[in-house]
Amino acid sequence: MSAINLEDAKAFLDVIHEADDGKLQILLDAAEDEALQFIDAPYPYIPDSEPVSEPALPASFVMGVLLLLQANYQATPDDARKLRDAAEIKLMPFRCGLGV
């Protein structure tokens, strides 16, 4: 289950119907998993943050996940590549283990 609300994802994609809710949830979960694999961390690392029971995700991380979702749900192959590139730009600051 994604940490990003399905209703927020649908609003981002301008989806107003419920017919694709199951498919969108699967794609949203997969997009978040892909983002976490890209940053090589179980969750976005936020320096100097206090541990909380339910951490809020940084907006740029959420945007990266939503761009991956859009690439999988409603983009042409050419546009999907552009959306994936944009997602990587949003997710790069959270990447761990780059040896820097």
PDB file of N, CA and C in Angstrom:
ATOM      1  N   MET A   1       0.845  -1.188   0.000  1.00  0.00           N
ATOM      2  CA  MET A   1       0.000   0.000   0.000  1.00  0.00           C
ATOM      3  C   MET A   1       0.882   1.241   0.000  1.00  0.00           C
ATOM      4  N   SER A   2       0.647   2.103  -0.900  1.00  0.00           N
ATOM      5  CA  SER A   2       1.450   3.309  -1.061  1.00  0.00           C
ATOM      6  C   SER A   2       1.196   4.307   0.068  1.00  0.00           C
ATOM      7  N   ALA A   3       2.223   5.070   0.377  1.00  0.00           N
ATOM      8  CA  ALA A   3       2.080   6.140   1.359  1.00  0.00           C
ATOM      9  C   ALA A   3       1.374   7.351   0.751  1.00  0.00           C
ATOM     10  N   ILE A   4       1.241   7.351  -0.563  1.00  0.00           N
ATOM     11  CA  ILE A   4       0.559   8.437  -1.267  1.00  0.00           C
ATOM     12  C   ILE A   4      -0.904   8.039  -1.455  1.00  0.00           C
ATOM     13  N   ASN A   5      -1.786   8.944  -1.116  1.00  0.00           N
ATOM     14  CA  ASN A   5      -3.226   8.717  -1.181  1.00  0.00           C
ATOM     15  C   ASN A   5      -3.675   8.556  -2.632  1.00  0.00           C
ATOM     16  N   LEU A   6      -4.514   7.559  -2.878  1.00  0.00           N
ATOM     17  CA  LEU A   6      -5.031   7.319  -4.221  1.00  0.00           C
ATOM     18  C   LEU A   6      -5.797   8.529  -4.752  1.00  0.00           C
ATOM     19  N   GLU A   7      -6.545   9.194  -3.897  1.00  0.00           N
ATOM     20  CA  GLU A   7      -7.307  10.371  -4.339  1.00  0.00           C
ATOM     21  C   GLU A   7      -6.380  11.492  -4.802  1.00  0.00           C
ATOM     22  N   ASP A   8      -5.252  11.671  -4.120  1.00  0.00           N
ATOM     23  CA  ASP A   8      -4.270  12.674  -4.545  1.00  0.00           C
ATOM     24  C   ASP A   8      -3.680  12.302  -5.904  1.00  0.00           C
ATOM     25  N   ALA A   9      -3.392  11.016  -6.085  1.00  0.00           N
ATOM     26  CA  ALA A   9      -2.843  10.549  -7.360  1.00  0.00           C
ATOM     27  C   ALA A   9      -3.851  10.766  -8.484  1.00  0.00           C
ATOM     28  N   LYS A  10      -5.126  10.464  -8.230  1.00  0.00           N
ATOM     29  CA  LYS A  10      -6.154  10.665  -9.240  1.00  0.00           C
ATOM     30  C   LYS A  10      -6.307  12.143  -9.579  1.00  0.00           C
ATOM     31  N   ALA A  11      -6.208  12.994  -8.588  1.00  0.00           N
ATOM     32  CA  ALA A  11      -6.297  14.437  -8.844  1.00  0.00           C
ATOM     33  C   ALA A  11      -5.127  14.887  -9.721  1.00  0.00           C
ATOM     34  N   PHE A  12      -3.935  14.371  -9.453  1.00  0.00           N
ATOM     35  CA  PHE A  12      -2.759  14.721 -10.259  1.00  0.00           C
ATOM     36  C   PHE A  12      -2.960  14.297 -11.711  1.00  0.00           C
ATOM     37  N   LEU A  13      -3.567  13.132 -11.917  1.00  0.00           N
ATOM     38  CA  LEU A  13      -3.778  12.606 -13.265  1.00  0.00           C
ATOM     39  C   LEU A  13      -5.062  13.117 -13.919  1.00  0.00           C
ATOM     40  N   ASP A  14      -5.842  13.918 -13.199  1.00  0.00           N
ATOM     41  CA  ASP A  14      -7.133  14.414 -13.677  1.00  0.00           C
ATOM     42  C   ASP A  14      -8.109  13.274 -13.978  1.00  0.00           C
ATOM     43  N   VAL A  15      -8.077  12.237 -13.150  1.00  0.00           N
ATOM     44  CA  VAL A  15      -8.999  11.109 -13.280  1.00  0.00           C
ATOM     45  C   VAL A  15     -10.181  11.370 -12.352  1.00  0.00           C
ATOM     46  N   ILE A  16     -11.390  11.414 -12.921  1.00  0.00           N
ATOM     47  CA  ILE A  16     -12.559  11.732 -12.107  1.00  0.00           C
ATOM     48  C   ILE A  16     -13.496  10.537 -11.902  1.00  0.00           C
ATOM     49  N   HIS A  17     -13.172   9.412 -12.522  1.00  0.00           N
ATOM     50  CA  HIS A  17     -14.012   8.224 -12.393  1.00  0.00           C
ATOM     51  C   HIS A  17     -13.359   7.215 -11.441  1.00  0.00           C
ATOM     52  N   GLU A  18     -14.113   6.189 -11.087  1.00  0.00           N
ATOM     53  CA  GLU A  18     -13.605   5.167 -10.177  1.00  0.00           C
ATOM     54  C   GLU A  18     -13.317   3.840 -10.889  1.00  0.00           C
ATOM     55  N   ALA A  19     -13.527   3.810 -12.190  1.00  0.00           N
ATOM     56  CA  ALA A  19     -13.384   2.564 -12.937  1.00  0.00           C
ATOM     57  C   ALA A  19     -11.970   1.986 -12.875  1.00  0.00           C
ATOM     58  N   ASP A  20     -10.964   2.842 -12.794  1.00  0.00           N
ATOM     59  CA  ASP A  20      -9.574   2.385 -12.797  1.00  0.00           C
ATOM     60  C   ASP A  20      -8.922   2.400 -11.415  1.00  0.00           C
ATOM     61  N   ASP A  21      -9.713   2.529 -10.353  1.00  0.00           N
ATOM     62  CA  ASP A  21      -9.124   2.641  -9.013  1.00  0.00           C
ATOM     63  C   ASP A  21      -8.204   1.474  -8.658  1.00  0.00           C
ATOM     64  N   GLY A  22      -8.621   0.257  -8.957  1.00  0.00           N
ATOM     65  CA  GLY A  22      -7.789  -0.902  -8.651  1.00  0.00           C
ATOM     66  C   GLY A  22      -6.479  -0.872  -9.423  1.00  0.00           C
ATOM     67  N   LYS A  23      -6.580  -0.594 -10.716  1.00  0.00           N
ATOM     68  CA  LYS A  23      -5.394  -0.500 -11.568  1.00  0.00           C
ATOM     69  C   LYS A  23      -4.484   0.638 -11.110  1.00  0.00           C
ATOM     70  N   LEU A  24      -5.078   1.783 -10.795  1.00  0.00           N
ATOM     71  CA  LEU A  24      -4.277   2.925 -10.342  1.00  0.00           C
ATOM     72  C   LEU A  24      -3.560   2.633  -9.029  1.00  0.00           C
ATOM     73  N   GLN A  25      -4.214   1.921  -8.115  1.00  0.00           N
ATOM     74  CA  GLN A  25      -3.568   1.588  -6.847  1.00  0.00           C
ATOM     75  C   GLN A  25      -2.367   0.681  -7.077  1.00  0.00           C
ATOM     76  N   ILE A  26      -2.514  -0.292  -7.959  1.00  0.00           N
ATOM     77  CA  ILE A  26      -1.391  -1.177  -8.288  1.00  0.00           C
ATOM     78  C   ILE A  26      -0.248  -0.382  -8.917  1.00  0.00           C
ATOM     79  N   LEU A  27      -0.577   0.492  -9.867  1.00  0.00           N
ATOM     80  CA  LEU A  27       0.448   1.308 -10.516  1.00  0.00           C
ATOM     81  C   LEU A  27       1.093   2.291  -9.548  1.00  0.00           C
ATOM     82  N   LEU A  28       0.308   2.840  -8.627  1.00  0.00           N
ATOM     83  CA  LEU A  28       0.846   3.755  -7.624  1.00  0.00           C
ATOM     84  C   LEU A  28       1.804   3.028  -6.681  1.00  0.00           C
ATOM     85  N   ASP A  29       1.415   1.854  -6.227  1.00  0.00           N
ATOM     86  CA  ASP A  29       2.293   1.051  -5.372  1.00  0.00           C
ATOM     87  C   ASP A  29       3.598   0.722  -6.103  1.00  0.00           C
ATOM     88  N   ALA A  30       3.483   0.352  -7.380  1.00  0.00           N
ATOM     89  CA  ALA A  30       4.664   0.011  -8.171  1.00  0.00           C
ATOM     90  C   ALA A  30       5.551   1.226  -8.395  1.00  0.00           C
ATOM     91  N   ALA A  31       4.954   2.388  -8.639  1.00  0.00           N
ATOM     92  CA  ALA A  31       5.733   3.612  -8.846  1.00  0.00           C
ATOM     93  C   ALA A  31       6.489   3.990  -7.578  1.00  0.00           C
ATOM     94  N   GLU A  32       5.840   3.863  -6.433  1.00  0.00           N
ATOM     95  CA  GLU A  32       6.525   4.172  -5.176  1.00  0.00           C
ATOM     96  C   GLU A  32       7.657   3.178  -4.922  1.00  0.00           C
ATOM     97  N   ASP A  33       7.405   1.902  -5.199  1.00  0.00           N
ATOM     98  CA  ASP A  33       8.447   0.888  -5.039  1.00  0.00           C
ATOM     99  C   ASP A  33       9.632   1.182  -5.961  1.00  0.00           C
ATOM    100  N   GLU A  34       9.340   1.558  -7.200  1.00  0.00           N
ATOM    101  CA  GLU A  34      10.407   1.892  -8.152  1.00  0.00           C
ATOM    102  C   GLU A  34      11.213   3.091  -7.662  1.00  0.00           C
ATOM    103  N   ALA A  35      10.533   4.098  -7.122  1.00  0.00           N
ATOM    104  CA  ALA A  35      11.228   5.276  -6.598  1.00  0.00           C
ATOM    105  C   ALA A  35      12.134   4.893  -5.431  1.00  0.00           C
ATOM    106  N   LEU A  36      11.644   4.044  -4.533  1.00  0.00           N
ATOM    107  CA  LEU A  36      12.456   3.614  -3.392  1.00  0.00           C
ATOM    108  C   LEU A  36      13.654   2.787  -3.839  1.00  0.00           C
ATOM    109  N   GLN A  37      13.488   1.974  -4.870  1.00  0.00           N
ATOM    110  CA  GLN A  37      14.622   1.232  -5.414  1.00  0.00           C
ATOM    111  C   GLN A  37      15.636   2.176  -6.040  1.00  0.00           C
ATOM    112  N   PHE A  38      15.154   3.203  -6.726  1.00  0.00           N
ATOM    113  CA  PHE A  38      16.050   4.177  -7.356  1.00  0.00           C
ATOM    114  C   PHE A  38      16.891   4.907  -6.322  1.00  0.00           C
ATOM    115  N   ILE A  39      16.258   5.318  -5.215  1.00  0.00           N
ATOM    116  CA  ILE A  39      17.023   6.056  -4.202  1.00  0.00           C
ATOM    117  C   ILE A  39      17.804   5.118  -3.291  1.00  0.00           C
ATOM    118  N   ASP A  40      17.575   3.814  -3.417  1.00  0.00           N
ATOM    119  CA  ASP A  40      18.286   2.789  -2.653  1.00  0.00           C
ATOM    120  C   ASP A  40      18.112   2.988  -1.151  1.00  0.00           C
ATOM    121  N   ALA A  41      16.874   3.218  -0.757  1.00  0.00           N
ATOM    122  CA  ALA A  41      16.560   3.415   0.661  1.00  0.00           C
ATOM    123  C   ALA A  41      15.138   2.939   0.914  1.00  0.00           C
ATOM    124  N   PRO A  42      14.856   2.492   2.149  1.00  0.00           N
ATOM    125  CA  PRO A  42      13.499   2.049   2.447  1.00  0.00           C
ATOM    126  C   PRO A  42      12.494   3.196   2.523  1.00  0.00           C
ATOM    127  N   TYR A  43      12.953   4.415   2.717  1.00  0.00           N
ATOM    128  CA  TYR A  43      12.097   5.597   2.760  1.00  0.00           C
ATOM    129  C   TYR A  43      12.976   6.809   2.504  1.00  0.00           C
ATOM    130  N   PRO A  44      12.408   7.929   2.096  1.00  0.00           N
ATOM    131  CA  PRO A  44      13.225   9.111   1.843  1.00  0.00           C
ATOM    132  C   PRO A  44      13.945   9.567   3.114  1.00  0.00           C
ATOM    133  N   TYR A  45      15.233   9.707   3.026  1.00  0.00           N
ATOM    134  CA  TYR A  45      16.030  10.167   4.156  1.00  0.00           C
ATOM    135  C   TYR A  45      15.915  11.685   4.278  1.00  0.00           C
ATOM    136  N   ILE A  46      15.485  12.119   5.447  1.00  0.00           N
ATOM    137  CA  ILE A  46      15.348  13.548   5.704  1.00  0.00           C
ATOM    138  C   ILE A  46      16.286  13.894   6.845  1.00  0.00           C
ATOM    139  N   PRO A  47      17.423  14.530   6.569  1.00  0.00           N
ATOM    140  CA  PRO A  47      18.382  14.840   7.632  1.00  0.00           C
ATOM    141  C   PRO A  47      17.766  15.704   8.733  1.00  0.00           C
ATOM    142  N   ASP A  48      18.211  15.472   9.943  1.00  0.00           N
ATOM    143  CA  ASP A  48      17.804  16.263  11.106  1.00  0.00           C
ATOM    144  C   ASP A  48      16.305  16.238  11.364  1.00  0.00           C
ATOM    145  N   SER A  49      15.640  15.188  10.950  1.00  0.00           N
ATOM    146  CA  SER A  49      14.209  15.122  11.218  1.00  0.00           C
ATOM    147  C   SER A  49      13.962  14.276  12.460  1.00  0.00           C
ATOM    148  N   GLU A  50      12.937  14.629  13.161  1.00  0.00           N
ATOM    149  CA  GLU A  50      12.539  13.874  14.348  1.00  0.00           C
ATOM    150  C   GLU A  50      11.791  12.634  13.917  1.00  0.00           C
ATOM    151  N   PRO A  51      12.044  11.496  14.571  1.00  0.00           N
ATOM    152  CA  PRO A  51      11.269  10.308  14.222  1.00  0.00           C
ATOM    153  C   PRO A  51       9.788  10.526  14.566  1.00  0.00           C
ATOM    154  N   VAL A  52       8.930  10.177  13.632  1.00  0.00           N
ATOM    155  CA  VAL A  52       7.498  10.302  13.858  1.00  0.00           C
ATOM    156  C   VAL A  52       6.835   8.996  13.467  1.00  0.00           C
ATOM    157  N   SER A  53       5.644   8.772  13.984  1.00  0.00           N
ATOM    158  CA  SER A  53       4.975   7.502  13.712  1.00  0.00           C
ATOM    159  C   SER A  53       4.596   7.364  12.244  1.00  0.00           C
ATOM    160  N   GLU A  54       4.210   8.455  11.599  1.00  0.00           N
ATOM    161  CA  GLU A  54       3.850   8.419  10.185  1.00  0.00           C
ATOM    162  C   GLU A  54       4.495   9.615   9.486  1.00  0.00           C
ATOM    163  N   PRO A  55       5.728   9.433   8.974  1.00  0.00           N
ATOM    164  CA  PRO A  55       6.439  10.575   8.399  1.00  0.00           C
ATOM    165  C   PRO A  55       5.764  11.082   7.127  1.00  0.00           C
ATOM    166  N   ALA A  56       5.786  12.387   6.964  1.00  0.00           N
ATOM    167  CA  ALA A  56       5.274  12.994   5.741  1.00  0.00           C
ATOM    168  C   ALA A  56       6.365  12.904   4.688  1.00  0.00           C
ATOM    169  N   LEU A  57       5.990  12.538   3.485  1.00  0.00           N
ATOM    170  CA  LEU A  57       6.960  12.454   2.411  1.00  0.00           C
ATOM    171  C   LEU A  57       7.254  13.842   1.871  1.00  0.00           C
ATOM    172  N   PRO A  58       8.510  14.114   1.525  1.00  0.00           N
ATOM    173  CA  PRO A  58       8.832  15.404   0.912  1.00  0.00           C
ATOM    174  C   PRO A  58       8.090  15.565  -0.416  1.00  0.00           C
ATOM    175  N   ALA A  59       7.685  16.790  -0.701  1.00  0.00           N
ATOM    176  CA  ALA A  59       6.887  17.058  -1.900  1.00  0.00           C
ATOM    177  C   ALA A  59       7.611  16.646  -3.180  1.00  0.00           C
ATOM    178  N   SER A  60       8.926  16.846  -3.237  1.00  0.00           N
ATOM    179  CA  SER A  60       9.649  16.480  -4.456  1.00  0.00           C
ATOM    180  C   SER A  60       9.711  14.964  -4.641  1.00  0.00           C
ATOM    181  N   PHE A  61       9.729  14.207  -3.538  1.00  0.00           N
ATOM    182  CA  PHE A  61       9.673  12.746  -3.638  1.00  0.00           C
ATOM    183  C   PHE A  61       8.302  12.317  -4.154  1.00  0.00           C
ATOM    184  N   VAL A  62       7.251  12.906  -3.603  1.00  0.00           N
ATOM    185  CA  VAL A  62       5.890  12.595  -4.049  1.00  0.00           C
ATOM    186  C   VAL A  62       5.746  12.912  -5.537  1.00  0.00           C
ATOM    187  N   MET A  63       6.281  14.055  -5.968  1.00  0.00           N
ATOM    188  CA  MET A  63       6.192  14.425  -7.377  1.00  0.00           C
ATOM    189  C   MET A  63       6.921  13.407  -8.248  1.00  0.00           C
ATOM    190  N   GLY A  64       8.068  12.928  -7.804  1.00  0.00           N
ATOM    191  CA  GLY A  64       8.785  11.895  -8.549  1.00  0.00           C
ATOM    192  C   GLY A  64       7.953  10.638  -8.710  1.00  0.00           C
ATOM    193  N   VAL A  65       7.298  10.215  -7.641  1.00  0.00           N
ATOM    194  CA  VAL A  65       6.441   9.026  -7.700  1.00  0.00           C
ATOM    195  C   VAL A  65       5.257   9.271  -8.643  1.00  0.00           C
ATOM    196  N   LEU A  66       4.646  10.430  -8.557  1.00  0.00           N
ATOM    197  CA  LEU A  66       3.494  10.727  -9.413  1.00  0.00           C
ATOM    198  C   LEU A  66       3.887  10.808 -10.883  1.00  0.00           C
ATOM    199  N   LEU A  67       5.084  11.288 -11.164  1.00  0.00           N
ATOM    200  CA  LEU A  67       5.558  11.301 -12.555  1.00  0.00           C
ATOM    201  C   LEU A  67       5.763   9.877 -13.077  1.00  0.00           C
ATOM    202  N   LEU A  68       6.282   8.992 -12.228  1.00  0.00           N
ATOM    203  CA  LEU A  68       6.416   7.592 -12.623  1.00  0.00           C
ATOM    204  C   LEU A  68       5.037   6.964 -12.855  1.00  0.00           C
ATOM    205  N   LEU A  69       4.091   7.304 -12.003  1.00  0.00           N
ATOM    206  CA  LEU A  69       2.725   6.813 -12.170  1.00  0.00           C
ATOM    207  C   LEU A  69       2.143   7.286 -13.494  1.00  0.00           C
ATOM    208  N   GLN A  70       2.315   8.561 -13.793  1.00  0.00           N
ATOM    209  CA  GLN A  70       1.793   9.112 -15.043  1.00  0.00           C
ATOM    210  C   GLN A  70       2.451   8.443 -16.247  1.00  0.00           C
ATOM    211  N   ALA A  71       3.734   8.160 -16.157  1.00  0.00           N
ATOM    212  CA  ALA A  71       4.440   7.486 -17.254  1.00  0.00           C
ATOM    213  C   ALA A  71       3.837   6.115 -17.525  1.00  0.00           C
ATOM    214  N   ASN A  72       3.413   5.425 -16.477  1.00  0.00           N
ATOM    215  CA  ASN A  72       2.855   4.082 -16.638  1.00  0.00           C
ATOM    216  C   ASN A  72       1.374   4.081 -16.986  1.00  0.00           C
ATOM    217  N   TYR A  73       0.656   5.133 -16.626  1.00  0.00           N
ATOM    218  CA  TYR A  73      -0.805   5.120 -16.775  1.00  0.00           C
ATOM    219  C   TYR A  73      -1.306   5.806 -18.041  1.00  0.00           C
ATOM    220  N   GLN A  74      -0.722   6.948 -18.391  1.00  0.00           N
ATOM    221  CA  GLN A  74      -1.354   7.711 -19.472  1.00  0.00           C
ATOM    222  C   GLN A  74      -0.391   8.375 -20.444  1.00  0.00           C
ATOM    223  N   ALA A  75       0.805   7.840 -20.600  1.00  0.00           N
ATOM    224  CA  ALA A  75       1.772   8.487 -21.479  1.00  0.00           C
ATOM    225  C   ALA A  75       2.071   7.623 -22.702  1.00  0.00           C
ATOM    226  N   THR A  76       2.381   8.295 -23.798  1.00  0.00           N
ATOM    227  CA  THR A  76       2.890   7.597 -24.965  1.00  0.00           C
ATOM    228  C   THR A  76       4.307   7.119 -24.642  1.00  0.00           C
ATOM    229  N   PRO A  77       4.845   6.196 -25.407  1.00  0.00           N
ATOM    230  CA  PRO A  77       6.216   5.740 -25.119  1.00  0.00           C
ATOM    231  C   PRO A  77       7.240   6.885 -25.094  1.00  0.00           C
ATOM    232  N   ASP A  78       7.122   7.835 -26.024  1.00  0.00           N
ATOM    233  CA  ASP A  78       8.057   8.969 -26.031  1.00  0.00           C
ATOM    234  C   ASP A  78       7.872   9.851 -24.800  1.00  0.00           C
ATOM    235  N   ASP A  79       6.625  10.117 -24.456  1.00  0.00           N
ATOM    236  CA  ASP A  79       6.352  10.940 -23.278  1.00  0.00           C
ATOM    237  C   ASP A  79       6.725  10.207 -21.991  1.00  0.00           C
ATOM    238  N   ALA A  80       6.568   8.901 -21.977  1.00  0.00           N
ATOM    239  CA  ALA A  80       6.921   8.118 -20.790  1.00  0.00           C
ATOM    240  C   ALA A  80       8.405   8.284 -20.477  1.00  0.00           C
ATOM    241  N   ARG A  81       9.251   8.260 -21.490  1.00  0.00           N
ATOM    242  CA  ARG A  81      10.692   8.447 -21.269  1.00  0.00           C
ATOM    243  C   ARG A  81      10.971   9.827 -20.668  1.00  0.00           C
ATOM    244  N   LYS A  82      10.303  10.843 -21.164  1.00  0.00           N
ATOM    245  CA  LYS A  82      10.484  12.204 -20.637  1.00  0.00           C
ATOM    246  C   LYS A  82      10.008  12.296 -19.194  1.00  0.00           C
ATOM    247  N   LEU A  83       8.876  11.661 -18.888  1.00  0.00           N
ATOM    248  CA  LEU A  83       8.364  11.678 -17.520  1.00  0.00           C
ATOM    249  C   LEU A  83       9.300  10.931 -16.574  1.00  0.00           C
ATOM    250  N   ARG A  84       9.861   9.814 -17.038  1.00  0.00           N
ATOM    251  CA  ARG A  84      10.806   9.057 -16.211  1.00  0.00           C
ATOM    252  C   ARG A  84      12.073   9.874 -15.947  1.00  0.00           C
ATOM    253  N   ASP A  85      12.539  10.590 -16.955  1.00  0.00           N
ATOM    254  CA  ASP A  85      13.708  11.458 -16.766  1.00  0.00           C
ATOM    255  C   ASP A  85      13.404  12.551 -15.743  1.00  0.00           C
ATOM    256  N   ALA A  86      12.214  13.127 -15.832  1.00  0.00           N
ATOM    257  CA  ALA A  86      11.820  14.168 -14.869  1.00  0.00           C
ATOM    258  C   ALA A  86      11.709  13.588 -13.463  1.00  0.00           C
ATOM    259  N   ALA A  87      11.197  12.359 -13.351  1.00  0.00           N
ATOM    260  CA  ALA A  87      11.093  11.702 -12.047  1.00  0.00           C
ATOM    261  C   ALA A  87      12.481  11.494 -11.439  1.00  0.00           C
ATOM    262  N   GLU A  88      13.434  11.075 -12.261  1.00  0.00           N
ATOM    263  CA  GLU A  88      14.795  10.873 -11.755  1.00  0.00           C
ATOM    264  C   GLU A  88      15.387  12.176 -11.229  1.00  0.00           C
ATOM    265  N   ILE A  89      15.109  13.271 -11.895  1.00  0.00           N
ATOM    266  CA  ILE A  89      15.600  14.574 -11.432  1.00  0.00           C
ATOM    267  C   ILE A  89      15.012  14.892 -10.057  1.00  0.00           C
ATOM    268  N   LYS A  90      13.726  14.625  -9.882  1.00  0.00           N
ATOM    269  CA  LYS A  90      13.076  14.886  -8.589  1.00  0.00           C
ATOM    270  C   LYS A  90      13.599  13.963  -7.497  1.00  0.00           C
ATOM    271  N   LEU A  91      13.929  12.721  -7.835  1.00  0.00           N
ATOM    272  CA  LEU A  91      14.332  11.723  -6.841  1.00  0.00           C
ATOM    273  C   LEU A  91      15.833  11.742  -6.538  1.00  0.00           C
ATOM    274  N   MET A  92      16.639  12.296  -7.420  1.00  0.00           N
ATOM    275  CA  MET A  92      18.094  12.248  -7.261  1.00  0.00           C
ATOM    276  C   MET A  92      18.592  12.787  -5.911  1.00  0.00           C
ATOM    277  N   PRO A  93      18.039  13.867  -5.361  1.00  0.00           N
ATOM    278  CA  PRO A  93      18.548  14.358  -4.072  1.00  0.00           C
ATOM    279  C   PRO A  93      18.369  13.355  -2.917  1.00  0.00           C
ATOM    280  N   PHE A  94      17.478  12.389  -3.072  1.00  0.00           N
ATOM    281  CA  PHE A  94      17.234  11.403  -2.021  1.00  0.00           C
ATOM    282  C   PHE A  94      18.075  10.152  -2.191  1.00  0.00           C
ATOM    283  N   ARG A  95      18.826  10.070  -3.261  1.00  0.00           N
ATOM    284  CA  ARG A  95      19.593   8.863  -3.592  1.00  0.00           C
ATOM    285  C   ARG A  95      20.691   8.629  -2.566  1.00  0.00           C
ATOM    286  N   CYS A  96      20.843   7.375  -2.167  1.00  0.00           N
ATOM    287  CA  CYS A  96      21.855   7.000  -1.178  1.00  0.00           C
ATOM    288  C   CYS A  96      22.943   6.173  -1.853  1.00  0.00           C
ATOM    289  N   GLY A  97      24.112   6.173  -1.239  1.00  0.00           N
ATOM    290  CA  GLY A  97      25.184   5.284  -1.678  1.00  0.00           C
ATOM    291  C   GLY A  97      25.829   5.658  -2.984  1.00  0.00           C
ATOM    292  N   LEU A  98      25.923   6.934  -3.304  1.00  0.00           N
ATOM    293  CA  LEU A  98      26.568   7.337  -4.547  1.00  0.00           C
ATOM    294  C   LEU A  98      28.071   7.512  -4.385  1.00  0.00           C
ATOM    295  N   GLY A  99      28.573   7.324  -3.175  1.00  0.00           N
ATOM    296  CA  GLY A  99      30.000   7.437  -2.952  1.00  0.00           C
ATOM    297  C   GLY A  99      30.506   8.864  -2.856  1.00  0.00           C
ATOM    298  N   VAL A 100      29.638   9.778  -2.578  1.00  0.00           N
ATOM    299  CA  VAL A 100      30.039  11.182  -2.474  1.00  0.00           C
ATOM    300  C   VAL A 100      30.210  11.557  -1.036  1.00  0.00           C
TER     301      VAL A 100
END
